[in-house]
Protein backbone atom coordinates (compact mmCIF):
# COMPACT_ATOMS: atom_id res chain seq x y z
CA MET A 1 37.14 92.85 182.27
CA ALA A 2 39.55 93.01 185.23
CA ASP A 3 40.50 89.39 184.57
CA ASP A 4 41.33 90.30 180.95
CA PHE A 5 43.66 93.09 182.09
CA ALA A 6 45.31 90.83 184.65
CA SER A 7 45.82 88.17 181.98
CA LEU A 8 47.23 90.72 179.51
CA SER A 9 49.55 92.08 182.20
CA ALA A 10 50.82 88.59 182.99
CA ASP A 11 51.31 87.83 179.28
CA LEU A 12 53.30 91.04 178.75
CA ARG A 13 55.44 90.40 181.83
CA ASN A 14 56.18 86.84 180.65
CA ALA A 15 56.98 88.08 177.13
CA GLY A 16 59.39 90.64 178.56
CA GLU A 17 61.14 88.06 180.70
CA LYS A 18 61.33 85.64 177.76
CA ALA A 19 62.69 88.36 175.47
CA GLN A 20 65.30 89.38 178.05
CA LYS A 21 66.45 85.75 178.42
CA MET A 22 66.62 85.27 174.66
CA ALA A 23 68.52 88.53 174.17
CA GLY A 24 70.97 87.50 176.88
CA ASP A 25 71.49 84.16 175.15
CA ALA A 26 72.16 85.95 171.84
CA VAL A 27 74.69 88.28 173.50
CA ALA A 28 76.46 85.35 175.17
CA LYS A 29 76.61 83.32 171.95
CA THR A 30 77.86 86.28 169.93
CA ALA A 31 80.49 87.12 172.56
CA ALA A 32 81.74 83.52 172.50
CA ASP A 33 81.79 83.51 168.68
CA ILE A 34 83.69 86.83 168.51
CA THR A 35 86.16 85.55 171.11
CA ASN A 36 86.79 82.36 169.15
CA ASP A 37 87.23 84.25 165.88
CA ALA A 38 89.57 86.79 167.49
CA LYS A 39 91.74 83.92 168.72
CA VAL A 40 91.92 82.57 165.17
CA PHE A 41 92.70 86.01 163.70
CA ALA A 42 95.24 87.01 166.41
CA PRO A 43 98.88 87.14 165.37
CA VAL A 44 100.78 84.42 167.18
CA ASP A 45 104.35 84.65 168.37
CA THR A 46 104.29 83.10 171.82
CA GLY A 47 100.53 82.46 172.07
CA ASN A 48 100.17 84.84 175.01
CA LEU A 49 97.84 87.24 173.17
CA LYS A 50 95.66 84.45 171.80
CA ASN A 51 95.38 82.82 175.22
CA SER A 52 94.48 86.13 176.86
CA ILE A 53 91.42 86.82 174.69
CA GLY A 54 88.15 86.31 176.52
CA TYR A 55 84.85 87.89 177.39
CA ASP A 56 82.79 88.90 180.41
CA LEU A 57 79.02 89.17 180.40
CA ASN A 58 77.42 91.90 182.46
CA GLU A 59 73.86 92.83 183.32
CA ASP A 60 72.98 96.47 183.73
CA GLY A 61 69.51 97.85 184.24
CA GLY A 62 67.81 94.75 182.87
CA GLY A 63 70.03 94.54 179.79
CA VAL A 64 72.88 92.20 179.03
CA GLY A 65 76.20 93.24 177.52
CA ALA A 66 79.59 91.75 176.91
CA GLU A 67 83.15 93.01 177.15
CA ILE A 68 85.44 91.18 174.76
CA GLY A 69 89.18 91.51 174.39
CA PRO A 70 92.63 90.45 175.45
CA THR A 71 94.16 90.91 178.86
CA ALA A 72 97.62 91.12 177.27
CA SER A 73 98.55 94.80 177.56
CA TYR A 74 100.03 94.96 174.06
CA GLY A 75 96.82 93.77 172.36
CA ILE A 76 95.69 97.32 171.62
CA HIS A 77 99.00 98.09 169.91
CA LEU A 78 98.65 95.06 167.66
CA GLU A 79 95.01 95.87 166.88
CA HIS A 80 95.59 99.53 165.99
CA GLY A 81 99.31 99.69 165.23
CA THR A 82 101.84 102.23 166.46
CA SER A 83 104.03 104.85 164.86
CA VAL A 84 106.58 102.13 164.08
CA MET A 85 104.33 99.11 163.53
CA ALA A 86 101.45 98.50 161.14
CA PRO A 87 98.17 97.31 162.66
CA GLN A 88 97.47 93.59 162.85
CA PRO A 89 93.75 93.68 163.63
CA PHE A 90 92.13 90.61 165.14
CA LEU A 91 89.28 91.85 167.31
CA GLY A 92 87.71 94.26 164.81
CA PRO A 93 87.51 91.66 162.04
CA ALA A 94 86.02 89.14 164.48
CA PHE A 95 83.35 91.67 165.50
CA ASP A 96 82.64 92.58 161.88
CA ARG A 97 82.20 88.91 161.01
CA ARG A 98 79.67 88.26 163.79
CA ALA A 99 77.73 91.56 163.91
CA PRO A 100 75.31 90.70 161.05
CA GLY A 101 74.25 87.46 162.75
CA PHE A 102 73.65 89.28 166.03
CA GLU A 103 71.60 91.95 164.26
CA LYS A 104 69.47 89.27 162.59
CA ALA A 105 68.93 87.55 165.93
CA MET A 106 67.78 90.82 167.51
CA GLU A 107 65.45 91.55 164.57
CA TRP A 108 63.95 88.07 164.87
CA LEU A 109 63.55 88.51 168.62
CA MET A 110 61.73 91.82 168.15
CA GLY A 111 59.41 90.15 165.65
CA GLU A 112 58.65 87.40 168.13
CA VAL A 113 57.97 89.72 171.05
CA ILE A 114 56.06 92.49 169.30
């Protein structure tokens, strides 16, 4: 009986590690896809905004996340507009385009692990 519990414990630990790795891969792929789409959707004058769009992956408490966006300081003004300029969104549409695929990947992952 003790061997059965030890085996179950090892199986659960391995499943958790596998799920965490797969979730991290899904986050990284989605972040790269959103970044690429945002570069396509970004308004281009000089190319500075487009070239400044990137992402950083971070791990926090066993989870993986991503921060996606431009380093060009005026990116937020283009995305949301100002009192004198209409918005020219590029990041929001890129996120909206890729969110359903990420949600499906997470649903599949939960089905595999549980």
